[in-house]
Protein backbone atom coordinates (compact mmCIF):
# COMPACT_ATOMS: atom_id res chain seq x y z
CA MET A 1 -0.01 0.03 -0.12
CA PRO A 2 1.08 3.71 -0.72
CA ARG A 3 2.76 5.12 2.34
CA MET A 4 2.74 9.12 2.83
CA LEU A 5 4.65 10.97 5.54
CA PHE A 6 2.79 13.83 7.12
CA LEU A 7 4.76 16.71 8.85
CA THR A 8 3.23 19.53 10.78
CA GLU A 9 4.75 23.07 11.04
CA THR A 10 6.11 22.40 14.52
CA GLU A 11 8.06 19.26 13.30
CA LEU A 12 9.29 21.12 10.29
CA ARG A 13 10.59 23.99 12.36
CA ARG A 14 12.54 21.54 14.49
CA ILE A 15 14.23 19.65 11.54
CA VAL A 16 14.69 22.45 8.87
CA THR A 17 16.37 25.75 9.83
CA LEU A 18 17.84 28.61 8.02
CA ASP A 19 21.37 27.13 7.81
CA ALA A 20 24.19 26.42 5.56
CA ASP A 21 22.48 23.34 4.07
CA ALA A 22 19.24 25.32 3.36
CA VAL A 23 21.38 27.95 1.47
CA ALA A 24 23.35 25.19 -0.35
CA CYS A 25 19.87 23.56 -1.29
CA VAL A 26 18.53 26.63 -2.88
CA GLU A 27 21.98 27.52 -4.49
CA ASP A 28 21.69 24.07 -6.13
CA ALA A 29 18.21 24.47 -7.30
CA PHE A 30 19.04 27.92 -8.92
CA SER A 31 21.98 26.28 -10.61
CA ALA A 32 19.59 23.62 -12.00
CA LEU A 33 17.49 26.05 -13.46
CA ALA A 34 20.35 27.27 -15.72
CA THR A 35 22.07 23.94 -16.40
CA ARG A 36 19.34 21.12 -16.50
CA PRO A 37 16.13 20.82 -18.46
CA VAL A 38 14.03 21.86 -15.42
CA ALA A 39 10.26 21.66 -16.12
CA MET A 40 8.81 24.96 -14.34
CA PRO A 41 5.47 26.07 -15.58
CA PRO A 42 4.27 29.63 -14.87
CA ILE A 43 2.91 30.37 -11.49
CA LEU A 44 -0.90 29.83 -11.13
CA ARG A 45 -2.50 32.62 -9.46
CA LEU A 46 -6.09 32.95 -8.14
CA ASP A 47 -7.36 36.28 -6.71
CA ILE A 48 -10.18 36.44 -4.30
CA PRO A 49 -10.76 40.12 -4.26
CA GLU A 50 -13.84 40.39 -1.86
CA HIS A 51 -11.71 38.89 0.79
CA ASN A 52 -8.35 40.60 0.05
CA GLY A 53 -6.99 37.22 -0.71
CA GLU A 54 -4.66 35.51 -3.26
CA VAL A 55 -3.43 32.13 -3.79
CA ASP A 56 -0.29 31.09 -5.69
CA VAL A 57 0.56 27.61 -6.87
CA LYS A 58 4.30 26.85 -7.72
CA THR A 59 5.96 23.60 -8.87
CA ALA A 60 9.07 22.32 -10.59
CA TYR A 61 10.56 19.03 -11.72
CA VAL A 62 14.33 18.91 -11.45
CA PRO A 63 16.03 16.06 -13.20
CA GLY A 64 18.23 14.19 -10.97
CA LEU A 65 15.87 14.59 -7.94
CA SER A 66 13.73 11.79 -6.96
CA GLY A 67 10.60 13.97 -6.16
CA PHE A 68 9.05 17.07 -7.16
CA ALA A 69 6.95 19.61 -4.95
CA ILE A 70 3.75 21.35 -5.45
CA LYS A 71 3.22 24.30 -3.21
CA VAL A 72 -0.05 26.18 -2.46
CA SER A 73 0.53 29.33 -0.85
CA PRO A 74 -2.56 31.44 0.21
CA GLY A 75 -2.25 35.08 1.41
CA PHE A 76 -5.45 36.67 2.99
CA PHE A 77 -4.42 40.03 4.02
CA ASP A 78 -7.49 41.02 6.11
CA ASN A 79 -6.90 37.88 8.32
CA PRO A 80 -4.89 39.95 11.08
CA LYS A 81 -8.37 41.71 11.87
CA ARG A 82 -9.71 38.28 12.72
CA GLY A 83 -6.74 37.24 14.75
CA LEU A 84 -5.42 34.86 12.09
CA PRO A 85 -2.13 34.99 10.08
CA SER A 86 -2.06 36.48 6.64
CA LEU A 87 -0.02 33.75 5.13
CA ASN A 88 -0.19 29.91 5.32
CA GLY A 89 0.06 27.06 2.87
CA MET A 90 1.58 23.53 2.31
CA MET A 91 3.67 21.64 0.04
CA MET A 92 3.15 18.22 -1.29
CA LEU A 93 6.27 16.26 -2.35
CA LEU A 94 5.60 13.57 -4.98
CA SER A 95 7.72 10.74 -6.67
CA ALA A 96 9.07 11.80 -9.79
CA GLU A 97 8.99 8.13 -10.93
CA THR A 98 5.44 7.14 -9.84
CA GLY A 99 3.59 10.42 -9.15
CA LEU A 100 2.63 9.03 -5.78
CA VAL A 101 2.50 11.44 -2.78
CA GLN A 102 5.68 10.92 -0.66
CA ALA A 103 5.05 13.66 1.77
CA LEU A 104 2.50 16.25 2.92
CA LEU A 105 4.25 19.25 4.47
CA LEU A 106 1.69 21.42 6.47
CA ASP A 107 4.26 24.12 6.91
CA ASN A 108 1.74 27.13 7.09
CA GLY A 109 4.47 29.01 4.86
CA TYR A 110 7.35 28.24 7.12
CA LEU A 111 9.40 26.32 4.41
CA THR A 112 8.61 29.21 2.03
CA ALA A 113 10.13 31.64 4.39
CA VAL A 114 13.30 29.67 4.74
CA ARG A 115 13.83 29.16 1.31
CA THR A 116 13.16 32.75 0.43
CA ALA A 117 15.73 33.97 2.88
CA ALA A 118 18.28 31.19 1.79
CA ALA A 119 17.72 32.82 -1.76
CA GLY A 120 18.77 36.09 -0.35
CA ALA A 121 21.85 34.52 1.00
CA VAL A 122 22.69 32.98 -2.33
CA ALA A 123 22.25 36.21 -3.98
CA ALA A 124 24.57 38.16 -1.59
CA LYS A 125 27.14 35.30 -1.94
CA HIS A 126 27.36 35.76 -5.67
CA LEU A 127 26.70 39.40 -6.14
CA SER A 128 27.75 41.49 -3.18
CA ARG A 129 31.32 42.42 -2.22
CA PRO A 130 33.00 39.72 -0.13
CA ASP A 131 33.96 42.49 2.42
CA ALA A 132 30.32 43.67 2.75
CA ARG A 133 29.89 44.52 6.57
CA VAL A 134 26.76 46.83 6.68
CA ALA A 135 23.40 45.79 5.83
CA ALA A 136 20.17 47.68 5.49
CA ILE A 137 16.72 45.84 5.58
CA LEU A 138 13.68 47.64 4.40
CA GLY A 139 10.76 46.05 6.18
CA ALA A 140 10.35 44.67 9.63
CA GLY A 141 8.33 41.25 9.41
CA GLU A 142 9.38 37.79 9.61
CA GLN A 143 11.17 37.75 6.30
CA ALA A 144 13.14 41.00 7.04
CA ARG A 145 14.37 39.05 10.12
CA LEU A 146 15.39 36.03 8.20
CA GLN A 147 16.93 37.96 5.42
CA LEU A 148 19.34 39.72 7.82
CA ARG A 149 20.09 36.41 9.57
CA ALA A 150 20.69 34.91 6.14
CA LEU A 151 23.20 37.52 5.21
CA THR A 152 25.31 36.73 8.25
CA LEU A 153 25.63 33.21 6.92
CA VAL A 154 27.64 34.31 3.83
CA ARG A 155 29.09 37.81 4.59
CA PRO A 156 30.86 39.33 7.58
CA ILE A 157 28.07 41.54 8.60
CA ALA A 158 28.99 43.68 11.55
CA GLU A 159 26.24 46.31 11.49
CA ALA A 160 22.60 46.59 10.39
CA ARG A 161 19.90 49.06 10.05
CA VAL A 162 16.20 48.62 9.72
CA TRP A 163 13.66 50.82 8.16
CA ALA A 164 9.84 50.23 8.29
CA ARG A 165 6.91 52.26 7.67
CA ARG A 166 5.87 51.87 11.29
CA ALA A 167 8.73 52.99 13.56
CA GLU A 168 7.64 50.78 16.39
CA ALA A 169 8.14 47.69 14.21
CA ALA A 170 11.47 48.79 13.15
CA GLU A 171 12.58 49.43 16.71
CA ALA A 172 11.14 45.97 17.77
CA MET A 173 13.14 44.23 15.18
CA ALA A 174 16.33 45.97 15.78
CA GLY A 175 16.35 45.06 19.48
CA GLU A 176 15.23 41.44 18.69
CA MET A 177 18.14 40.96 15.99
CA SER A 178 20.79 42.88 18.07
CA ALA A 179 20.27 40.23 20.83
CA ALA A 180 19.91 37.31 18.39
CA LEU A 181 22.87 38.09 16.08
CA GLY A 182 25.31 39.91 18.64
CA ILE A 183 25.88 42.88 16.38
CA PRO A 184 24.46 46.44 16.61
CA VAL A 185 21.12 46.75 14.74
CA GLN A 186 19.53 50.10 14.58
CA ALA A 187 16.20 51.42 13.57
CA ALA A 188 16.55 54.05 10.76
CA SER A 189 14.47 57.30 10.89
CA SER A 190 14.27 57.37 7.18
CA LEU A 191 15.29 55.28 3.99
CA ASP A 192 18.16 57.79 3.33
CA ALA A 193 19.47 56.96 6.88
CA ALA A 194 19.28 53.33 6.22
CA ALA A 195 20.90 53.17 2.86
CA ASP A 196 23.69 55.66 3.75
CA GLY A 197 27.04 53.60 4.00
CA ALA A 198 25.29 50.32 3.58
CA ASP A 199 26.97 47.73 1.52
CA ILE A 200 23.86 45.38 1.05
CA VAL A 201 20.22 46.52 0.91
CA VAL A 202 17.35 44.15 1.02
CA THR A 203 13.84 45.15 0.56
CA THR A 204 11.21 42.86 1.90
CA THR A 205 8.09 44.83 1.73
CA PRO A 206 4.59 44.55 -0.15
CA ALA A 207 5.06 47.96 -1.51
CA THR A 208 3.05 48.93 -4.63
CA GLU A 209 5.16 52.05 -5.40
CA PRO A 210 8.96 52.23 -5.37
CA ILE A 211 10.61 52.96 -2.05
CA LEU A 212 14.21 52.56 -3.04
CA LEU A 213 15.23 55.13 -5.42
CA ALA A 214 18.39 55.73 -7.53
CA ARG A 215 19.68 58.34 -4.94
CA HIS A 216 19.74 55.90 -2.11
CA VAL A 217 22.41 53.70 -4.09
CA ARG A 218 26.05 54.34 -4.25
CA PRO A 219 28.80 52.43 -6.06
CA GLY A 220 29.71 49.16 -4.77
CA MET A 221 26.34 48.41 -3.18
CA HIS A 222 24.27 45.24 -3.67
CA VAL A 223 20.47 45.33 -3.69
CA THR A 224 18.31 42.21 -3.30
CA ALA A 225 14.60 42.89 -3.98
CA MET A 226 12.32 40.16 -2.98
CA GLY A 227 8.87 41.70 -2.23
CA SER A 228 7.70 42.34 -5.90
CA ASP A 229 6.03 38.71 -6.34
CA ALA A 230 3.07 40.04 -8.05
CA GLU A 231 2.05 42.33 -10.86
CA HIS A 232 1.05 45.18 -8.68
CA LYS A 233 4.08 45.14 -6.22
CA ASN A 234 7.03 47.47 -6.90
CA GLU A 235 10.00 48.30 -4.58
CA LEU A 236 12.59 49.66 -6.80
CA HIS A 237 12.49 52.71 -9.02
CA PRO A 238 12.87 51.98 -12.63
CA ASP A 239 15.85 54.33 -12.90
CA LEU A 240 17.61 52.25 -10.33
CA VAL A 241 17.18 49.05 -12.27
CA ALA A 242 18.28 50.95 -15.44
CA ARG A 243 21.37 52.22 -13.50
CA ALA A 244 22.64 48.87 -12.20
CA ASP A 245 25.85 47.55 -13.74
CA ALA A 246 24.31 44.05 -13.17
CA TYR A 247 20.50 43.20 -12.89
CA VAL A 248 20.08 39.43 -11.94
CA PRO A 249 16.65 37.86 -11.87
CA ASP A 250 15.84 34.38 -10.32
CA SER A 251 13.79 33.68 -13.38
CA LEU A 252 13.72 36.03 -16.58
CA ALA A 253 10.47 34.71 -17.60
CA GLN A 254 8.83 35.64 -14.11
CA VAL A 255 10.38 39.04 -13.63
CA ARG A 256 9.08 40.29 -17.02
CA VAL A 257 5.47 39.75 -15.64
CA LEU A 258 6.02 39.89 -11.75
CA GLY A 259 9.25 41.51 -10.77
CA GLU A 260 10.94 44.90 -10.70
CA LEU A 261 11.86 44.54 -14.50
CA ARG A 262 8.20 44.53 -15.42
CA HIS A 263 7.90 48.03 -14.05
CA ALA A 264 11.18 49.18 -15.56
CA ILE A 265 10.07 48.08 -18.98
CA ALA A 266 6.58 49.72 -18.53
CA ALA A 267 8.25 52.93 -17.55
CA GLY A 268 10.66 52.91 -20.56
CA ALA A 269 13.75 52.70 -18.36
CA VAL A 270 14.90 49.52 -20.05
CA PRO A 271 13.95 47.91 -23.34
CA ALA A 272 11.29 45.24 -23.45
CA GLY A 273 13.55 42.82 -24.84
CA ARG A 274 16.39 43.13 -22.45
CA ASP A 275 18.07 39.65 -21.90
CA VAL A 276 20.06 39.17 -18.72
CA PRO A 277 21.69 36.06 -17.21
CA ILE A 278 19.76 34.43 -14.35
CA LEU A 279 21.09 34.10 -10.99
CA GLY A 280 21.48 30.24 -11.72
CA ALA A 281 23.77 30.95 -14.67
CA ILE A 282 26.10 33.08 -12.36
CA ILE A 283 26.18 30.25 -9.97
CA ALA A 284 27.04 27.86 -12.52
CA GLY A 285 29.90 30.14 -14.02
CA GLN A 286 28.09 30.65 -17.41
CA ALA A 287 27.94 34.46 -16.75
CA PRO A 288 29.76 37.10 -14.69
CA GLY A 289 28.10 38.53 -11.70
CA ARG A 290 30.04 41.33 -9.99
CA THR A 291 32.66 42.69 -12.16
CA ALA A 292 34.18 45.27 -10.05
CA ASP A 293 34.18 46.43 -6.52
CA ASP A 294 32.39 49.59 -7.34
CA ALA A 295 29.64 47.96 -9.40
CA ILE A 296 25.98 48.23 -8.40
CA THR A 297 24.28 44.94 -8.60
CA ILE A 298 20.47 43.94 -8.25
CA ALA A 299 19.02 40.57 -7.51
CA ASP A 300 15.29 40.37 -8.39
CA LEU A 301 13.94 37.41 -6.51
CA THR A 302 10.23 36.56 -7.24
CA GLY A 303 10.23 33.04 -5.86
CA THR A 304 10.53 30.02 -8.04
CA GLY A 305 9.27 26.37 -8.12
CA VAL A 306 12.77 25.02 -8.08
CA GLN A 307 13.27 26.59 -4.76
CA ASP A 308 10.11 24.82 -3.45
CA THR A 309 11.17 21.40 -4.69
CA GLY A 310 14.51 21.88 -3.14
CA ILE A 311 13.55 22.82 0.24
CA ALA A 312 10.76 20.10 0.26
CA THR A 313 13.43 17.49 -0.81
CA LEU A 314 15.70 18.63 2.11
CA ALA A 315 12.71 18.61 4.62
CA TYR A 316 11.82 15.06 3.63
CA ALA A 317 15.44 13.78 3.86
CA ARG A 318 15.75 15.27 7.21
CA ALA A 319 12.42 13.92 8.43
CA LEU A 320 13.46 10.37 7.34
CA ALA A 321 16.84 10.79 9.13
CA ALA A 322 15.17 11.99 12.19
CA GLY A 323 12.23 9.70 12.40
CA ALA A 324 9.95 12.81 12.32
CA GLY A 325 6.46 13.01 11.08
CA THR A 326 3.56 10.38 10.88
CA VAL A 327 3.28 7.77 8.39
CA LEU A 328 -0.06 7.47 6.77
CA GLU A 329 -1.07 4.33 4.90
CA GLY A 330 -3.01 4.79 1.62
């Protein structure tokens, strides 16, 4: 009889953390996107406007992996008024040989949060200066915290600033992360103050109009934008995208319809047919990333199905090794 492993968020939090293995897992997934015949269909998106809700479905088959994930990721943004989280979801891991369900990962969005943060670490590893020490995080939610933690895995971060629309949220994150990381983290009073002197800037907001402008960026800076994962979202000004010495997306097909490139093309700042190497190509050595210490680099991360298959595969392997989860008979 078919057997399926069922894992709860609590169990997944225990066995999967934001660590070097998670970063390597996502790095390998990006590399596969550039070097293997990965099957990754466009994101399926369902909007439920009367309840301020949206649902994304992502998947990818990576040749060489024994399974593939299908992720359902709802976001219902009026939920906090009801005392409920805005984000949740789950992943299914299916056998690439038989199509049978190997595992149901009821992570409520946790694995997505980890793989998204890991992607930020991968982008910084390949695009920021190796001596980058000062980070600026725009946003103060869970992903903002994870992105800062992720940067410390790949760069010698010694100082950080946090900016958020709500000053109290920035203050809370600054105090929490100072204690957690053992480095000074300060709440910035403005975007200019946050970006001034920063080596790496990470945007983690649901902004629908640009918050990071060309004037905020100086030579040598790296920017990772990860909030623009829907057509209406936009964190970087088009002039900034045009100014970058290297603009690197996770998926060129996706950023043309979802990411910062979409808005830069619409504004006429860059040509519609602009062709740039994806992050996986840089990881695989097929294209250059940062070419000079004073270069301005941008990573545009919209979230890809290969990341979900990668993190689900890691979670399944760790669960089997730890004897975690509940086995359900078919």
